Amino acid sequence: MPDEFMRWGRYAAAFIVLFELLINLSITSGRDISREAYFRHIGSYWKLAEEAAAINPVNQGHFTRLDVAEQNIRNVSCLAGYADASYFSSTINEGVTDFYKEFGMKASRVHYMADGMTPFTAMIMGVDYILADDFRNNQTDYDVAFYKGEEDGDYLYERLFMLPFGYAVPYKDYDFDMETENMCDPVVRQNRISVKLGGDEVFHEISDEYIHEEEGRAEIYVPEDGHYYAWTDADVDEVSEYTELHEAEDEPYGRFEDMKYNSVMDLGRLDKGDTVTFLSDEESEEDYLDIALYRIDPVSMQSLEDRLGEETLTLTEFEDDHIEGIIDISEKKELLLTMPCSDGWEIIMDGNQRIEPESFYGLFMMLPLPEGLHHISLSYHIPFFTTGVITTLISLFIFIALTICGHHRKAITK
């Protein structure tokens, strides 16, 4: 009898595990994509990326970073062969995901994406071009980017505000002040960083008097022409944006999915007097969205771009493991390089002086430089490569020695 109970117990456990796996699969992995849709943009994005590299006014043609407005697959840049601001991997740099979260872009333990990127974050990250599969896209209005070309139904836009791979910033401590930073949303944080970089606030917060909240619904009255962004940390999965015209057609002006990642919502170009409605997904319709609304200030953005673009790195060589450039600094500053600050990089200034890098908010590499004209060289060496080779050789030697000893012992016993 006990054996009978044990057998049925194993059947029950196996059934529970199988049931849980099926439920998990249906919730997390039920989405699919056709082969045609998977490869739909690869060729056109590659050609548009080549065009962007050819016309890029910064980085001397050595490097161009792009962003896809609405990605249908992750890592499309790896397939198409261009530098992107999105990536999917189980071994990504933790500093990247933390930076993205703090600045209102989608990120998790296994991916980070440019969804939620604003003109400010794009500019300081060196993302100069946008790829889009729609001629009219919320992220490609004329006041933040403009049309540069198209290929097979896909479009290339150049961002209005651009900075190169390396540029000088004031010599300061660039790190999150957690006592105050935890109290603000990502757009407010971007305003604070802009001021710290020597500019003015680049976003104007819209008064609550223009926002009317109900359960699962928010309505805003647009007080001034401009490009708008919104933020909510409500527990919702999807938010749809309707203008008066689009609500009548039952077609959203903007749709923001996977809001569990708390990304900034790009509302697009809105005109004074417009009424815009936000609707959350049905499962969370009882939650208040608690919308924070912002309008970007193009004048402040242009002023900041001009200031940060005064002293930039002129690239002379750019490879995956070796970068060189020249920069002329008017006073002691930090050279910000839009690449993760990670182990393995050897940095030499003026041919003989080694530099220890600092980090810009836990992500980008910064190099403290004195006044004057400087040649900067970066070379990458795999961390602990020599130690790893020596350890491998020692282990191999021990294995061979033990194998030989084992054979001798067997021979003696015989």
Protein backbone atom coordinates (compact mmCIF):
# COMPACT_ATOMS: atom_id res chain seq x y z
CA MET A 1 0.00 0.00 0.00
CA PRO A 2 2.75 2.54 0.80
CA ASP A 3 4.26 1.87 -2.64
CA GLU A 4 0.87 2.62 -4.21
CA PHE A 5 0.71 5.99 -2.40
CA MET A 6 4.27 6.81 -3.45
CA ARG A 7 3.50 6.03 -7.09
CA TRP A 8 0.38 8.21 -7.15
CA GLY A 9 2.25 10.92 -5.26
CA ARG A 10 4.92 11.01 -7.97
CA TYR A 11 2.17 11.20 -10.63
CA ALA A 12 0.54 14.12 -8.79
CA ALA A 13 3.85 15.98 -8.41
CA ALA A 14 4.66 15.49 -12.10
CA PHE A 15 1.19 16.74 -13.07
CA ILE A 16 1.57 19.86 -10.88
CA VAL A 17 4.98 20.64 -12.37
CA LEU A 18 3.68 20.16 -15.94
CA PHE A 19 0.62 22.32 -15.21
CA GLU A 20 2.81 25.11 -13.78
CA LEU A 21 5.11 24.99 -16.81
CA LEU A 22 2.18 25.24 -19.22
CA ILE A 23 0.70 28.21 -17.34
CA ASN A 24 4.09 29.92 -17.19
CA LEU A 25 4.62 29.32 -20.92
CA SER A 26 1.23 30.75 -21.84
CA ILE A 27 1.80 33.89 -19.74
CA THR A 28 5.43 34.70 -20.52
CA SER A 29 6.18 33.05 -23.87
CA GLY A 30 2.91 32.88 -25.75
CA ARG A 31 3.86 35.64 -28.14
CA ASP A 32 5.28 34.64 -31.47
CA ILE A 33 6.48 36.27 -34.66
CA SER A 34 6.53 34.97 -38.20
CA ARG A 35 9.80 34.36 -40.00
CA GLU A 36 8.91 37.06 -42.52
CA ALA A 37 8.26 39.61 -39.78
CA TYR A 38 11.42 38.56 -37.93
CA PHE A 39 13.66 39.41 -40.88
CA ARG A 40 11.44 42.18 -42.26
CA HIS A 41 13.71 45.12 -41.35
CA ILE A 42 17.19 43.58 -41.44
CA GLY A 43 18.18 44.62 -44.98
CA SER A 44 16.58 48.06 -44.90
CA TYR A 45 17.94 48.92 -41.45
CA TRP A 46 21.43 47.90 -42.57
CA LYS A 47 21.25 50.19 -45.61
CA LEU A 48 19.81 53.08 -43.58
CA ALA A 49 22.51 52.62 -40.95
CA GLU A 50 25.13 52.82 -43.69
CA GLU A 51 23.51 56.03 -44.94
CA ALA A 52 23.52 57.47 -41.41
CA ALA A 53 27.22 56.69 -41.03
CA ALA A 54 27.94 58.45 -44.32
CA ILE A 55 26.12 61.68 -43.41
CA ASN A 56 26.85 61.77 -39.66
CA PRO A 57 28.32 65.22 -38.90
CA VAL A 58 30.02 64.00 -35.68
CA ASN A 59 32.63 61.30 -34.96
CA GLN A 60 34.42 61.81 -38.29
CA GLY A 61 32.65 58.81 -39.83
CA HIS A 62 34.23 56.39 -37.34
CA PHE A 63 31.15 55.62 -35.23
CA THR A 64 27.37 56.07 -35.40
CA ARG A 65 24.83 54.95 -32.82
CA LEU A 66 21.15 54.52 -33.76
CA ASP A 67 17.89 53.67 -32.05
CA VAL A 68 14.81 51.82 -33.32
CA ALA A 69 11.57 53.63 -32.56
CA GLU A 70 9.48 50.48 -32.15
CA GLN A 71 11.41 47.20 -32.08
CA ASN A 72 9.62 44.10 -33.33
CA ILE A 73 12.50 41.90 -32.13
CA ARG A 74 15.30 42.34 -29.61
CA ASN A 75 18.89 42.59 -30.85
CA VAL A 76 17.84 43.62 -34.35
CA SER A 77 21.06 45.68 -34.43
CA CYS A 78 23.14 42.52 -34.08
CA LEU A 79 21.45 41.05 -37.16
CA ALA A 80 21.60 44.26 -39.19
CA GLY A 81 25.11 45.19 -38.08
CA TYR A 82 24.93 48.63 -36.49
CA ALA A 83 25.49 50.15 -33.04
CA ASP A 84 22.26 50.43 -31.04
CA ALA A 85 21.06 51.59 -27.63
CA SER A 86 19.14 48.34 -26.97
CA TYR A 87 20.41 44.88 -26.14
CA PHE A 88 19.23 41.50 -24.86
CA SER A 89 21.59 39.18 -23.00
CA SER A 90 21.66 37.20 -19.76
CA THR A 91 25.12 38.64 -18.97
CA ILE A 92 24.63 42.38 -19.52
CA ASN A 93 26.42 45.06 -17.51
CA GLU A 94 24.46 45.84 -14.35
CA GLY A 95 25.49 49.49 -14.57
CA VAL A 96 23.68 49.82 -17.90
CA THR A 97 20.36 48.52 -16.58
CA ASP A 98 20.59 50.72 -13.46
CA PHE A 99 21.27 53.79 -15.61
CA TYR A 100 18.36 53.02 -17.92
CA LYS A 101 15.95 52.55 -15.01
CA GLU A 102 17.02 55.78 -13.31
CA PHE A 103 16.53 57.74 -16.55
CA GLY A 104 13.12 56.27 -17.43
CA MET A 105 14.04 53.68 -20.07
CA LYS A 106 13.05 50.01 -20.12
CA ALA A 107 15.51 47.65 -18.47
CA SER A 108 15.60 44.35 -16.61
CA ARG A 109 18.19 41.78 -15.57
CA VAL A 110 18.44 40.47 -19.14
CA HIS A 111 17.76 43.44 -21.42
CA TYR A 112 17.79 47.19 -21.81
CA MET A 113 15.89 49.15 -24.45
CA ALA A 114 15.67 52.70 -25.75
CA ASP A 115 11.91 52.82 -25.10
CA GLY A 116 11.43 55.88 -22.91
CA MET A 117 14.43 57.70 -24.35
CA THR A 118 14.02 61.47 -24.54
CA PRO A 119 16.00 63.99 -26.62
CA PHE A 120 18.07 64.72 -23.51
CA THR A 121 19.01 61.10 -22.73
CA ALA A 122 19.61 60.42 -26.44
CA MET A 123 21.93 63.40 -26.69
CA ILE A 124 24.11 62.60 -23.67
CA MET A 125 24.23 58.93 -24.75
CA GLY A 126 25.36 59.79 -28.28
CA VAL A 127 22.30 58.30 -30.01
CA ASP A 128 22.16 60.42 -33.16
CA TYR A 129 19.72 58.63 -35.49
CA ILE A 130 16.33 56.90 -35.32
CA LEU A 131 15.11 53.98 -37.43
CA ALA A 132 11.33 53.69 -37.79
CA ASP A 133 8.87 51.59 -39.77
CA ASP A 134 6.28 54.37 -39.91
CA PHE A 135 6.60 57.75 -41.59
CA ARG A 136 4.66 59.33 -38.72
CA ASN A 137 5.87 58.12 -35.36
CA ASN A 138 5.55 59.70 -31.92
CA GLN A 139 9.31 59.66 -31.52
CA THR A 140 10.07 61.28 -34.87
CA ASP A 141 8.29 64.62 -34.90
CA TYR A 142 10.07 67.52 -36.58
CA ASP A 143 10.89 69.30 -33.30
CA VAL A 144 13.06 66.42 -32.01
CA ALA A 145 14.18 64.70 -35.24
CA PHE A 146 13.84 65.19 -38.98
CA TYR A 147 13.54 62.93 -42.01
CA LYS A 148 16.77 61.89 -43.75
CA GLY A 149 15.87 58.94 -45.98
CA GLU A 150 13.93 55.73 -46.49
CA GLU A 151 14.44 52.18 -47.71
CA ASP A 152 11.79 49.53 -48.44
CA GLY A 153 9.14 51.09 -46.20
CA ASP A 154 11.51 51.93 -43.34
CA TYR A 155 12.67 55.43 -42.46
CA LEU A 156 15.76 57.18 -41.15
CA TYR A 157 15.57 60.28 -38.95
CA GLU A 158 18.39 62.43 -37.63
CA ARG A 159 18.01 63.75 -34.12
CA LEU A 160 17.89 67.50 -33.81
CA PHE A 161 20.25 67.51 -30.80
CA MET A 162 23.46 65.51 -31.24
CA LEU A 163 26.70 65.00 -29.36
CA PRO A 164 29.72 62.94 -30.45
CA PHE A 165 31.21 59.82 -28.90
CA GLY A 166 33.37 61.93 -26.56
CA TYR A 167 32.76 65.41 -25.15
CA ALA A 168 33.97 67.49 -22.20
CA VAL A 169 31.78 68.10 -19.14
CA PRO A 170 32.42 70.23 -16.04
CA TYR A 171 34.75 68.65 -13.49
CA LYS A 172 32.28 67.42 -10.86
CA ASP A 173 31.14 64.33 -9.00
CA TYR A 174 28.59 62.64 -11.26
CA ASP A 175 26.79 60.12 -9.11
CA PHE A 176 23.25 59.60 -7.89
CA ASP A 177 22.46 61.38 -4.62
CA MET A 178 20.09 58.71 -3.39
CA GLU A 179 18.70 60.87 -0.56
CA THR A 180 17.20 63.27 -3.08
CA GLU A 181 17.12 61.24 -6.31
CA ASN A 182 14.69 58.67 -4.90
CA MET A 183 12.17 61.47 -4.41
CA CYS A 184 11.94 62.46 -8.09
CA ASP A 185 10.82 60.87 -11.33
CA PRO A 186 13.20 60.32 -14.30
CA VAL A 187 12.22 63.51 -16.12
CA VAL A 188 12.92 65.65 -13.05
CA ARG A 189 16.21 63.79 -12.70
CA GLN A 190 17.10 64.72 -16.28
CA ASN A 191 16.44 68.37 -15.46
CA ARG A 192 18.81 68.14 -12.51
CA ILE A 193 21.53 66.52 -14.60
CA SER A 194 21.13 69.20 -17.27
CA VAL A 195 21.75 71.91 -14.67
CA LYS A 196 24.75 70.00 -13.32
CA LEU A 197 26.19 69.85 -16.84
CA GLY A 198 26.04 73.64 -17.03
CA GLY A 199 22.70 74.14 -18.79
CA ASP A 200 19.16 75.06 -17.81
CA GLU A 201 16.27 72.73 -17.12
CA VAL A 202 15.24 71.19 -20.45
CA PHE A 203 11.70 70.13 -19.46
CA HIS A 204 8.83 72.30 -18.22
CA GLU A 205 6.47 70.54 -15.84
CA ILE A 206 2.79 71.14 -16.59
CA SER A 207 0.61 72.19 -13.67
CA ASP A 208 -1.88 69.68 -12.23
CA GLU A 209 -4.68 72.10 -13.10
CA TYR A 210 -4.41 70.86 -16.71
CA ILE A 211 -4.73 67.19 -15.70
CA HIS A 212 -7.97 65.49 -14.66
CA GLU A 213 -7.71 62.01 -13.15
CA GLU A 214 -10.31 59.29 -12.85
CA GLU A 215 -10.01 55.57 -12.17
CA GLY A 216 -8.10 54.05 -15.09
CA ARG A 217 -8.33 57.30 -17.04
CA ALA A 218 -6.56 60.65 -17.24
CA GLU A 219 -7.43 63.66 -19.36
CA ILE A 220 -5.10 66.56 -20.08
CA TYR A 221 -5.67 69.95 -21.65
CA VAL A 222 -2.62 71.03 -23.65
CA PRO A 223 -1.70 74.56 -22.53
CA GLU A 224 0.98 75.27 -25.16
CA ASP A 225 2.30 73.95 -28.48
CA GLY A 226 5.20 71.57 -28.08
CA HIS A 227 6.54 68.05 -27.77
CA TYR A 228 5.28 66.38 -24.61
CA TYR A 229 6.38 63.55 -22.35
CA ALA A 230 4.60 61.88 -19.46
CA TRP A 231 5.53 59.70 -16.53
CA THR A 232 3.52 57.32 -14.36
CA ASP A 233 4.62 54.76 -11.82
CA ALA A 234 1.12 53.30 -11.50
CA ASP A 235 0.82 49.51 -11.51
CA VAL A 236 -0.43 49.17 -15.10
CA ASP A 237 0.71 47.06 -18.03
CA GLU A 238 -0.43 49.19 -20.96
CA VAL A 239 -1.45 52.83 -21.49
CA SER A 240 -3.12 54.16 -24.64
CA GLU A 241 -3.00 57.81 -25.68
CA TYR A 242 -5.92 59.31 -27.61
CA THR A 243 -6.37 62.75 -29.09
CA GLU A 244 -9.88 63.97 -29.89
CA LEU A 245 -9.49 62.87 -33.53
CA HIS A 246 -8.02 59.46 -32.78
CA GLU A 247 -10.49 58.69 -29.98
CA ALA A 248 -13.33 59.23 -32.44
CA GLU A 249 -11.67 56.74 -34.78
CA ASP A 250 -11.01 54.31 -31.92
CA GLU A 251 -7.34 54.32 -32.92
CA PRO A 252 -4.76 55.42 -30.33
CA TYR A 253 -2.33 58.20 -31.14
CA GLY A 254 0.21 56.34 -29.01
CA ARG A 255 0.32 52.96 -27.27
CA PHE A 256 2.75 52.23 -24.44
CA GLU A 257 3.19 48.56 -23.55
CA ASP A 258 5.14 46.72 -20.83
CA MET A 259 4.70 49.67 -18.48
CA LYS A 260 5.87 47.44 -15.63
CA TYR A 261 9.31 48.74 -16.63
CA ASN A 262 8.20 52.30 -15.81
CA SER A 263 9.44 54.03 -18.96
CA VAL A 264 8.84 57.64 -19.94
CA MET A 265 5.96 58.02 -22.43
CA ASP A 266 6.69 60.06 -25.57
CA LEU A 267 3.35 61.75 -26.36
CA GLY A 268 4.52 63.38 -29.57
CA ARG A 269 3.82 66.85 -30.89
CA LEU A 270 0.67 68.37 -29.34
CA ASP A 271 -1.03 71.69 -30.09
CA LYS A 272 -2.40 74.22 -27.66
CA GLY A 273 -6.03 73.48 -26.87
CA ASP A 274 -5.79 69.76 -27.65
CA THR A 275 -7.45 67.37 -25.25
CA VAL A 276 -5.53 64.15 -24.74
CA THR A 277 -6.91 61.10 -22.97
CA PHE A 278 -4.93 58.29 -21.34
CA LEU A 279 -6.57 54.90 -20.76
CA SER A 280 -4.93 52.09 -18.81
CA ASP A 281 -5.38 48.41 -19.60
CA GLU A 282 -8.63 46.79 -18.42
CA GLU A 283 -7.02 44.67 -15.73
CA SER A 284 -5.83 47.79 -13.92
CA GLU A 285 -8.73 50.09 -14.65
CA GLU A 286 -9.33 50.87 -10.96
CA ASP A 287 -5.85 52.39 -10.54
CA TYR A 288 -5.16 56.11 -10.82
CA LEU A 289 -2.45 56.84 -13.37
CA ASP A 290 -1.11 59.82 -11.41
CA ILE A 291 0.26 61.38 -14.61
CA ALA A 292 3.18 63.81 -14.49
CA LEU A 293 3.28 65.86 -17.71
CA TYR A 294 6.27 67.67 -19.24
CA ARG A 295 7.03 69.76 -22.32
CA ILE A 296 10.55 69.82 -23.72
CA ASP A 297 12.22 73.20 -24.19
CA PRO A 298 14.07 73.23 -27.57
CA VAL A 299 15.89 76.47 -26.70
CA SER A 300 17.37 75.02 -23.51
CA MET A 301 18.25 71.81 -25.34
CA GLN A 302 20.05 73.75 -28.08
CA SER A 303 21.92 75.81 -25.50
CA LEU A 304 23.07 72.68 -23.67
CA GLU A 305 24.11 71.00 -26.92
CA ASP A 306 26.14 74.08 -27.87
CA ARG A 307 27.83 74.17 -24.48
CA LEU A 308 28.74 70.48 -24.38
CA GLY A 309 29.73 70.50 -28.05
CA GLU A 310 32.39 73.20 -27.63
CA GLU A 311 35.14 70.75 -26.68
CA THR A 312 34.81 67.29 -28.19
CA LEU A 313 36.99 64.31 -28.98
CA THR A 314 38.13 64.15 -32.61
CA LEU A 315 38.34 60.44 -33.38
CA THR A 316 41.34 59.26 -35.38
CA GLU A 317 40.80 55.52 -34.92
CA PHE A 318 37.86 53.45 -33.71
CA GLU A 319 37.93 49.67 -33.38
CA ASP A 320 36.25 47.26 -30.98
CA ASP A 321 39.42 46.98 -28.89
CA HIS A 322 41.26 50.20 -29.72
CA ILE A 323 40.14 53.86 -29.80
CA GLU A 324 42.22 56.99 -30.37
CA GLY A 325 41.39 60.66 -30.53
CA ILE A 326 42.50 64.24 -29.88
CA ILE A 327 40.84 66.88 -27.71
CA ASP A 328 41.75 70.45 -26.72
CA ILE A 329 40.59 71.38 -23.20
CA SER A 330 40.34 75.03 -22.10
CA GLU A 331 40.39 74.17 -18.38
CA LYS A 332 40.38 71.10 -16.15
CA LYS A 333 37.37 69.01 -17.19
CA GLU A 334 36.11 65.47 -17.56
CA LEU A 335 36.08 63.78 -20.96
CA LEU A 336 32.85 61.78 -21.11
CA LEU A 337 32.98 58.78 -23.44
CA THR A 338 29.62 57.24 -24.31
CA MET A 339 30.80 53.70 -23.59
CA PRO A 340 30.36 51.63 -20.40
CA CYS A 341 33.04 52.07 -17.77
CA SER A 342 34.28 48.49 -17.44
CA ASP A 343 37.43 46.59 -16.53
CA GLY A 344 39.99 45.78 -19.18
CA TRP A 345 40.56 49.20 -20.76
CA GLU A 346 44.07 50.64 -20.65
CA ILE A 347 43.91 54.43 -21.10
CA ILE A 348 46.99 56.44 -22.05
CA MET A 349 47.15 60.24 -22.35
CA ASP A 350 49.80 61.90 -24.52
CA GLY A 351 51.66 58.66 -25.11
CA ASN A 352 52.96 58.02 -21.59
CA GLN A 353 50.50 58.97 -18.83
CA ARG A 354 48.11 56.29 -17.64
CA ILE A 355 44.61 57.47 -16.63
CA GLU A 356 42.24 55.77 -14.20
CA PRO A 357 38.67 56.26 -15.46
CA GLU A 358 35.74 57.48 -13.40
CA SER A 359 32.06 56.83 -14.13
CA PHE A 360 29.18 59.04 -15.16
CA TYR A 361 26.21 57.92 -13.03
CA GLY A 362 27.54 54.39 -12.87
CA LEU A 363 27.60 53.88 -16.64
CA PHE A 364 29.75 55.98 -18.96
CA MET A 365 33.50 56.30 -18.78
CA MET A 366 34.91 59.69 -17.74
CA LEU A 367 38.55 60.74 -17.95
CA PRO A 368 39.84 63.66 -15.85
CA LEU A 369 41.93 65.87 -18.13
CA PRO A 370 44.02 68.99 -17.43
CA GLU A 371 44.00 72.07 -19.62
CA GLY A 372 45.64 71.70 -23.02
CA LEU A 373 45.76 69.61 -26.18
CA HIS A 374 45.75 65.88 -25.46
CA HIS A 375 46.02 62.62 -27.39
CA ILE A 376 43.88 59.87 -25.85
CA SER A 377 44.43 56.17 -26.54
CA LEU A 378 42.26 53.32 -25.23
CA SER A 379 43.21 49.67 -25.66
CA TYR A 380 41.17 46.74 -24.43
CA HIS A 381 42.74 43.67 -22.85
CA ILE A 382 40.65 40.79 -21.54
CA PRO A 383 40.72 41.10 -17.72
CA PHE A 384 42.74 38.35 -15.97
CA PHE A 385 43.54 36.77 -19.34
CA THR A 386 47.12 35.92 -18.32
CA THR A 387 45.94 34.57 -14.97
CA GLY A 388 43.36 32.44 -16.76
CA VAL A 389 45.92 31.03 -19.20
CA ILE A 390 48.36 30.19 -16.39
CA THR A 391 45.60 28.55 -14.33
CA THR A 392 44.50 26.53 -17.36
CA LEU A 393 48.07 25.37 -18.09
CA ILE A 394 48.67 24.41 -14.45
CA SER A 395 45.39 22.49 -14.36
CA LEU A 396 46.29 20.74 -17.62
CA PHE A 397 49.72 19.81 -16.25
CA ILE A 398 48.18 18.40 -13.06
CA PHE A 399 45.65 16.42 -15.10
CA ILE A 400 48.39 14.92 -17.32
CA ALA A 401 50.57 14.13 -14.29
CA LEU A 402 47.71 12.40 -12.48
CA THR A 403 46.82 10.43 -15.61
CA ILE A 404 50.44 9.24 -16.02
CA CYS A 405 50.68 8.36 -12.32
CA GLY A 406 47.44 6.40 -12.61
CA HIS A 407 48.77 4.36 -15.53
CA HIS A 408 52.06 3.64 -13.67
CA ARG A 409 50.16 2.50 -10.57
CA LYS A 410 48.06 0.10 -12.63
CA ALA A 411 51.21 -1.28 -14.29
CA ILE A 412 52.90 -1.89 -10.90
CA THR A 413 49.86 -3.64 -9.41
CA LYS A 414 49.79 -6.01 -12.38
